């Protein structure tokens, strides 16, 4: 393969990549020399961060807190949080996230009579 053929193949590959990226839309930009250039549109953040996954993780975290609160009891849970808040920075962040919030309290009060 000679050099001209390699350059041509590379140019074709660049054009195909740009065309594939522009399938989801494009933005027109005016360059300094007056030429209008089309660029692939930026994808919104929600395409990179699946909303359902984030909601599922939040629900799982709250469910875990409710499970711990029901199984340990509130005094033991509060004692464990106090231990965590005296630890390292990571432990303090964990203690802050694991504190009993209104949603956890409501779900615990709702579920606890049925669990025992």
N, C-alpha and C. Protein backbone atom coordinates (compact mmCIF):
# COMPACT_ATOMS: atom_id res chain seq x y z
N UNK A 1 0.85 -1.18 0.00
CA UNK A 1 0.00 0.00 0.00
C UNK A 1 0.90 1.24 0.00
N UNK A 2 0.66 2.14 -0.94
CA UNK A 2 1.50 3.32 -0.99
C UNK A 2 0.99 4.41 -0.05
N UNK A 3 1.74 5.47 0.10
CA UNK A 3 1.43 6.54 1.05
C UNK A 3 0.13 7.25 0.70
N UNK A 4 -0.13 7.45 -0.59
CA UNK A 4 -1.36 8.14 -0.99
C UNK A 4 -2.59 7.32 -0.62
N UNK A 5 -2.50 6.03 -0.78
CA UNK A 5 -3.63 5.16 -0.44
C UNK A 5 -3.88 5.17 1.06
N UNK A 6 -2.82 5.18 1.87
CA UNK A 6 -2.97 5.24 3.32
C UNK A 6 -3.62 6.55 3.75
N UNK A 7 -3.20 7.66 3.13
CA UNK A 7 -3.80 8.96 3.46
C UNK A 7 -5.28 8.97 3.08
N UNK A 8 -5.60 8.40 1.93
CA UNK A 8 -6.99 8.35 1.49
C UNK A 8 -7.83 7.50 2.44
N UNK A 9 -7.32 6.36 2.85
CA UNK A 9 -8.04 5.48 3.79
C UNK A 9 -8.26 6.17 5.13
N UNK A 10 -7.24 6.88 5.61
CA UNK A 10 -7.37 7.61 6.88
C UNK A 10 -8.43 8.70 6.77
N UNK A 11 -8.46 9.39 5.62
CA UNK A 11 -9.46 10.45 5.43
C UNK A 11 -10.86 9.86 5.38
N UNK A 12 -11.03 8.75 4.70
CA UNK A 12 -12.34 8.08 4.65
C UNK A 12 -12.77 7.67 6.05
N UNK A 13 -11.86 7.12 6.85
CA UNK A 13 -12.18 6.72 8.22
C UNK A 13 -12.63 7.92 9.06
N UNK A 14 -11.93 9.06 8.92
CA UNK A 14 -12.31 10.26 9.67
C UNK A 14 -13.70 10.73 9.27
N UNK A 15 -13.98 10.73 7.98
CA UNK A 15 -15.29 11.17 7.48
C UNK A 15 -16.40 10.25 7.99
N UNK A 16 -16.16 8.94 7.97
CA UNK A 16 -17.17 7.99 8.46
C UNK A 16 -17.41 8.15 9.96
N UNK A 17 -16.35 8.37 10.74
CA UNK A 17 -16.50 8.59 12.18
C UNK A 17 -17.31 9.85 12.46
N UNK A 18 -17.02 10.92 11.72
CA UNK A 18 -17.75 12.18 11.91
C UNK A 18 -19.21 12.02 11.50
N UNK A 19 -19.47 11.31 10.42
CA UNK A 19 -20.85 11.10 9.98
C UNK A 19 -21.63 10.28 11.00
N UNK A 20 -20.99 9.28 11.58
CA UNK A 20 -21.66 8.47 12.59
C UNK A 20 -21.95 9.31 13.84
N UNK A 21 -21.00 10.16 14.22
CA UNK A 21 -21.21 11.02 15.39
C UNK A 21 -22.32 12.04 15.14
N UNK A 22 -22.50 12.45 13.89
CA UNK A 22 -23.51 13.46 13.57
C UNK A 22 -24.90 12.87 13.35
N UNK A 23 -25.05 11.55 13.51
CA UNK A 23 -26.37 10.93 13.38
C UNK A 23 -27.33 11.45 14.44
N UNK A 24 -26.81 11.86 15.58
CA UNK A 24 -27.63 12.34 16.70
C UNK A 24 -27.80 13.85 16.68
N UNK A 25 -27.42 14.49 15.61
CA UNK A 25 -27.57 15.93 15.49
C UNK A 25 -26.23 16.61 15.32
N UNK A 26 -26.29 17.86 14.90
CA UNK A 26 -25.05 18.60 14.69
C UNK A 26 -25.25 20.07 15.07
N UNK A 27 -24.13 20.73 15.28
CA UNK A 27 -24.13 22.16 15.60
C UNK A 27 -23.28 22.87 14.55
N UNK A 28 -23.77 24.01 14.07
CA UNK A 28 -23.01 24.79 13.11
C UNK A 28 -22.16 25.81 13.86
N UNK A 29 -20.87 25.85 13.54
CA UNK A 29 -19.94 26.80 14.15
C UNK A 29 -19.31 27.64 13.04
N UNK A 30 -19.21 28.92 13.28
CA UNK A 30 -18.58 29.82 12.33
C UNK A 30 -17.11 29.96 12.69
N UNK A 31 -16.24 29.56 11.78
CA UNK A 31 -14.80 29.66 12.04
C UNK A 31 -14.32 31.09 11.80
N UNK A 32 -13.11 31.37 12.23
CA UNK A 32 -12.56 32.73 12.09
C UNK A 32 -12.41 33.17 10.64
N UNK A 33 -12.22 32.20 9.76
CA UNK A 33 -12.07 32.55 8.34
C UNK A 33 -13.40 32.68 7.60
N UNK A 34 -14.54 32.53 8.32
CA UNK A 34 -15.85 32.72 7.73
C UNK A 34 -16.50 31.44 7.24
N UNK A 35 -15.82 30.33 7.35
CA UNK A 35 -16.36 29.06 6.91
C UNK A 35 -17.25 28.47 8.00
N UNK A 36 -18.40 27.97 7.62
CA UNK A 36 -19.31 27.34 8.57
C UNK A 36 -18.95 25.86 8.63
N UNK A 37 -18.68 25.39 9.84
CA UNK A 37 -18.27 24.01 10.04
C UNK A 37 -19.32 23.29 10.89
N UNK A 38 -19.73 22.11 10.47
CA UNK A 38 -20.67 21.31 11.23
C UNK A 38 -19.89 20.38 12.15
N UNK A 39 -20.29 20.38 13.42
CA UNK A 39 -19.68 19.50 14.41
C UNK A 39 -20.77 18.66 15.05
N UNK A 40 -20.43 17.47 15.50
CA UNK A 40 -21.44 16.65 16.18
C UNK A 40 -21.95 17.36 17.42
N UNK A 41 -23.27 17.27 17.65
CA UNK A 41 -23.87 17.91 18.82
C UNK A 41 -23.43 17.16 20.07
N UNK A 42 -23.26 17.91 21.15
CA UNK A 42 -22.90 17.27 22.41
C UNK A 42 -24.10 16.50 22.93
N UNK A 43 -23.81 15.37 23.48
CA UNK A 43 -24.89 14.56 24.07
C UNK A 43 -25.22 15.12 25.44
N UNK A 44 -26.50 15.16 25.77
CA UNK A 44 -26.86 15.64 27.10
C UNK A 44 -26.37 14.68 28.18
N UNK A 45 -26.24 15.19 29.40
CA UNK A 45 -25.69 14.43 30.50
C UNK A 45 -26.53 13.19 30.80
N UNK A 46 -27.83 13.26 30.59
CA UNK A 46 -28.68 12.13 30.94
C UNK A 46 -28.37 10.89 30.09
N UNK A 47 -27.73 11.06 28.96
CA UNK A 47 -27.35 9.89 28.16
C UNK A 47 -26.14 9.20 28.77
N UNK A 48 -25.31 9.94 29.47
CA UNK A 48 -24.12 9.36 30.08
C UNK A 48 -24.44 8.78 31.45
N UNK A 49 -25.39 9.38 32.18
CA UNK A 49 -25.77 8.91 33.50
C UNK A 49 -27.21 8.42 33.43
N UNK A 50 -27.40 7.11 33.44
CA UNK A 50 -28.76 6.59 33.36
C UNK A 50 -29.55 6.93 34.63
N UNK A 51 -30.66 7.62 34.45
CA UNK A 51 -31.46 8.10 35.57
C UNK A 51 -32.03 6.93 36.36
N UNK A 52 -32.45 5.89 35.68
CA UNK A 52 -33.02 4.72 36.39
C UNK A 52 -31.99 4.07 37.30
N UNK A 53 -30.75 4.02 36.84
CA UNK A 53 -29.69 3.43 37.67
C UNK A 53 -29.46 4.26 38.92
N UNK A 54 -29.44 5.57 38.78
CA UNK A 54 -29.25 6.44 39.93
C UNK A 54 -30.40 6.29 40.92
N UNK A 55 -31.63 6.26 40.41
CA UNK A 55 -32.78 6.07 41.29
C UNK A 55 -32.76 4.71 41.96
N UNK A 56 -32.33 3.68 41.24
CA UNK A 56 -32.24 2.34 41.84
C UNK A 56 -31.19 2.30 42.94
N UNK A 57 -30.07 2.99 42.75
CA UNK A 57 -29.03 3.03 43.78
C UNK A 57 -29.51 3.77 45.02
N UNK A 58 -30.24 4.86 44.82
CA UNK A 58 -30.78 5.60 45.97
C UNK A 58 -31.79 4.75 46.72
N UNK A 59 -32.67 4.06 45.98
CA UNK A 59 -33.67 3.20 46.62
C UNK A 59 -32.99 2.05 47.37
N UNK A 60 -31.94 1.49 46.79
CA UNK A 60 -31.22 0.41 47.47
C UNK A 60 -30.55 0.92 48.74
N UNK A 61 -29.98 2.11 48.70
CA UNK A 61 -29.36 2.69 49.89
C UNK A 61 -30.37 2.93 51.00
N UNK A 62 -31.51 3.46 50.64
CA UNK A 62 -32.56 3.70 51.65
C UNK A 62 -33.08 2.38 52.19
N UNK A 63 -33.24 1.39 51.31
CA UNK A 63 -33.68 0.07 51.75
C UNK A 63 -32.69 -0.56 52.72
N UNK A 64 -31.41 -0.39 52.44
CA UNK A 64 -30.37 -0.92 53.32
C UNK A 64 -30.42 -0.24 54.69
N UNK A 65 -30.61 1.07 54.69
CA UNK A 65 -30.72 1.79 55.96
C UNK A 65 -31.93 1.32 56.76
N UNK A 66 -33.06 1.12 56.08
CA UNK A 66 -34.27 0.65 56.77
C UNK A 66 -34.03 -0.74 57.35
N UNK A 67 -33.40 -1.63 56.57
CA UNK A 67 -33.10 -2.97 57.04
C UNK A 67 -32.21 -2.92 58.28
N UNK A 68 -31.14 -2.13 58.25
CA UNK A 68 -30.24 -2.02 59.41
C UNK A 68 -30.97 -1.45 60.62
N UNK A 69 -31.77 -0.44 60.41
CA UNK A 69 -32.48 0.18 61.52
C UNK A 69 -33.47 -0.78 62.17
N UNK A 70 -34.16 -1.56 61.37
CA UNK A 70 -35.11 -2.52 61.92
C UNK A 70 -34.38 -3.66 62.63
N UNK A 71 -33.30 -4.16 62.02
CA UNK A 71 -32.62 -5.32 62.61
C UNK A 71 -31.80 -4.96 63.84
N UNK A 72 -31.17 -3.79 63.85
CA UNK A 72 -30.32 -3.41 64.98
C UNK A 72 -31.10 -2.74 66.11
N UNK A 73 -32.14 -2.05 65.76
CA UNK A 73 -32.85 -1.23 66.74
C UNK A 73 -32.24 0.17 66.74
N UNK A 74 -33.05 1.13 67.11
CA UNK A 74 -32.60 2.52 67.02
C UNK A 74 -31.44 2.86 67.96
N UNK A 75 -31.41 2.40 69.22
CA UNK A 75 -30.27 2.74 70.09
C UNK A 75 -28.93 2.19 69.57
N UNK A 76 -28.92 0.95 69.12
CA UNK A 76 -27.68 0.36 68.60
C UNK A 76 -27.26 1.04 67.30
N UNK A 77 -28.23 1.39 66.47
CA UNK A 77 -27.94 2.07 65.21
C UNK A 77 -27.32 3.44 65.49
N UNK A 78 -27.90 4.17 66.44
CA UNK A 78 -27.37 5.49 66.81
C UNK A 78 -25.97 5.37 67.40
N UNK A 79 -25.71 4.32 68.19
CA UNK A 79 -24.38 4.12 68.77
C UNK A 79 -23.36 3.84 67.66
N UNK A 80 -23.75 3.05 66.68
CA UNK A 80 -22.84 2.75 65.57
C UNK A 80 -22.55 4.01 64.75
N UNK A 81 -23.55 4.85 64.54
CA UNK A 81 -23.33 6.11 63.83
C UNK A 81 -22.40 7.02 64.61
N UNK A 82 -22.51 7.01 65.94
CA UNK A 82 -21.62 7.83 66.76
C UNK A 82 -20.18 7.34 66.62
N UNK A 83 -19.97 6.02 66.55
CA UNK A 83 -18.63 5.48 66.35
C UNK A 83 -18.08 5.90 64.99
N UNK A 84 -18.92 5.82 63.98
CA UNK A 84 -18.48 6.20 62.64
C UNK A 84 -18.12 7.68 62.56
N UNK A 85 -18.88 8.52 63.23
CA UNK A 85 -18.63 9.96 63.13
C UNK A 85 -17.33 10.37 63.82
N UNK A 86 -16.78 9.51 64.69
CA UNK A 86 -15.51 9.80 65.33
C UNK A 86 -14.32 9.30 64.52
N UNK A 87 -14.56 8.59 63.42
CA UNK A 87 -13.49 7.97 62.65
C UNK A 87 -12.87 8.91 61.62
N UNK A 88 -12.36 8.30 60.57
CA UNK A 88 -11.70 9.04 59.50
C UNK A 88 -12.72 9.83 58.69
N UNK A 89 -12.23 10.55 57.71
CA UNK A 89 -13.11 11.36 56.87
C UNK A 89 -14.11 10.48 56.12
N UNK A 90 -13.66 9.33 55.64
CA UNK A 90 -14.56 8.42 54.93
C UNK A 90 -15.65 7.92 55.88
N UNK A 91 -15.26 7.59 57.11
CA UNK A 91 -16.25 7.14 58.10
C UNK A 91 -17.24 8.25 58.42
N UNK A 92 -16.77 9.48 58.50
CA UNK A 92 -17.66 10.60 58.79
C UNK A 92 -18.65 10.82 57.65
N UNK A 93 -18.19 10.67 56.42
CA UNK A 93 -19.09 10.79 55.27
C UNK A 93 -20.13 9.68 55.32
N UNK A 94 -19.69 8.45 55.64
CA UNK A 94 -20.61 7.33 55.76
C UNK A 94 -21.63 7.57 56.86
N UNK A 95 -21.18 8.13 58.00
CA UNK A 95 -22.10 8.42 59.10
C UNK A 95 -23.14 9.46 58.68
N UNK A 96 -22.70 10.44 57.91
CA UNK A 96 -23.63 11.46 57.44
C UNK A 96 -24.67 10.86 56.50
N UNK A 97 -24.22 9.99 55.59
CA UNK A 97 -25.15 9.37 54.64
C UNK A 97 -26.10 8.39 55.33
N UNK A 98 -25.64 7.75 56.39
CA UNK A 98 -26.45 6.72 57.05
C UNK A 98 -27.34 7.27 58.17
N UNK A 99 -27.34 8.58 58.37
CA UNK A 99 -28.20 9.13 59.41
C UNK A 99 -29.67 8.88 59.08
N UNK A 100 -30.47 8.84 60.12
CA UNK A 100 -31.89 8.56 59.95
C UNK A 100 -32.58 9.81 59.41
N UNK A 101 -33.02 9.71 58.17
CA UNK A 101 -33.72 10.83 57.55
C UNK A 101 -35.23 10.56 57.60
N UNK A 102 -36.06 11.54 57.24
CA UNK A 102 -37.52 11.36 57.33
C UNK A 102 -38.05 10.19 56.50
N UNK A 103 -37.47 9.94 55.33
CA UNK A 103 -37.93 8.84 54.49
C UNK A 103 -37.62 7.51 55.16
N UNK A 104 -36.41 7.38 55.71
CA UNK A 104 -36.03 6.15 56.40
C UNK A 104 -36.91 5.93 57.62
N UNK A 105 -37.17 6.98 58.37
CA UNK A 105 -38.02 6.88 59.56
C UNK A 105 -39.44 6.43 59.16
N UNK A 106 -39.98 7.03 58.10
CA UNK A 106 -41.33 6.69 57.67
C UNK A 106 -41.41 5.23 57.22
N UNK A 107 -40.44 4.80 56.41
CA UNK A 107 -40.44 3.42 55.94
C UNK A 107 -40.22 2.43 57.08
N UNK A 108 -39.38 2.79 58.03
CA UNK A 108 -39.16 1.91 59.18
C UNK A 108 -40.44 1.77 59.99
N UNK A 109 -41.12 2.88 60.24
CA UNK A 109 -42.38 2.82 60.99
C UNK A 109 -43.44 2.04 60.23
N UNK A 110 -43.38 2.08 58.91
CA UNK A 110 -44.37 1.37 58.09
C UNK A 110 -44.09 -0.12 58.05
N UNK A 111 -42.82 -0.52 57.96
CA UNK A 111 -42.45 -1.92 57.76
C UNK A 111 -42.26 -2.67 59.07
N UNK A 112 -41.78 -2.02 60.12
CA UNK A 112 -41.42 -2.68 61.38
C UNK A 112 -42.55 -3.52 61.98
N UNK A 113 -43.80 -3.09 61.98
CA UNK A 113 -44.84 -3.95 62.57
C UNK A 113 -45.02 -5.29 61.86
N UNK A 114 -44.73 -5.34 60.57
CA UNK A 114 -44.92 -6.55 59.81
C UNK A 114 -43.74 -7.51 59.90
N UNK A 115 -42.54 -6.94 60.18
CA UNK A 115 -41.34 -7.75 60.26
C UNK A 115 -41.24 -8.40 61.63
N UNK A 116 -41.58 -7.68 62.63
CA UNK A 116 -41.58 -8.28 63.96
C UNK A 116 -40.75 -7.49 64.83
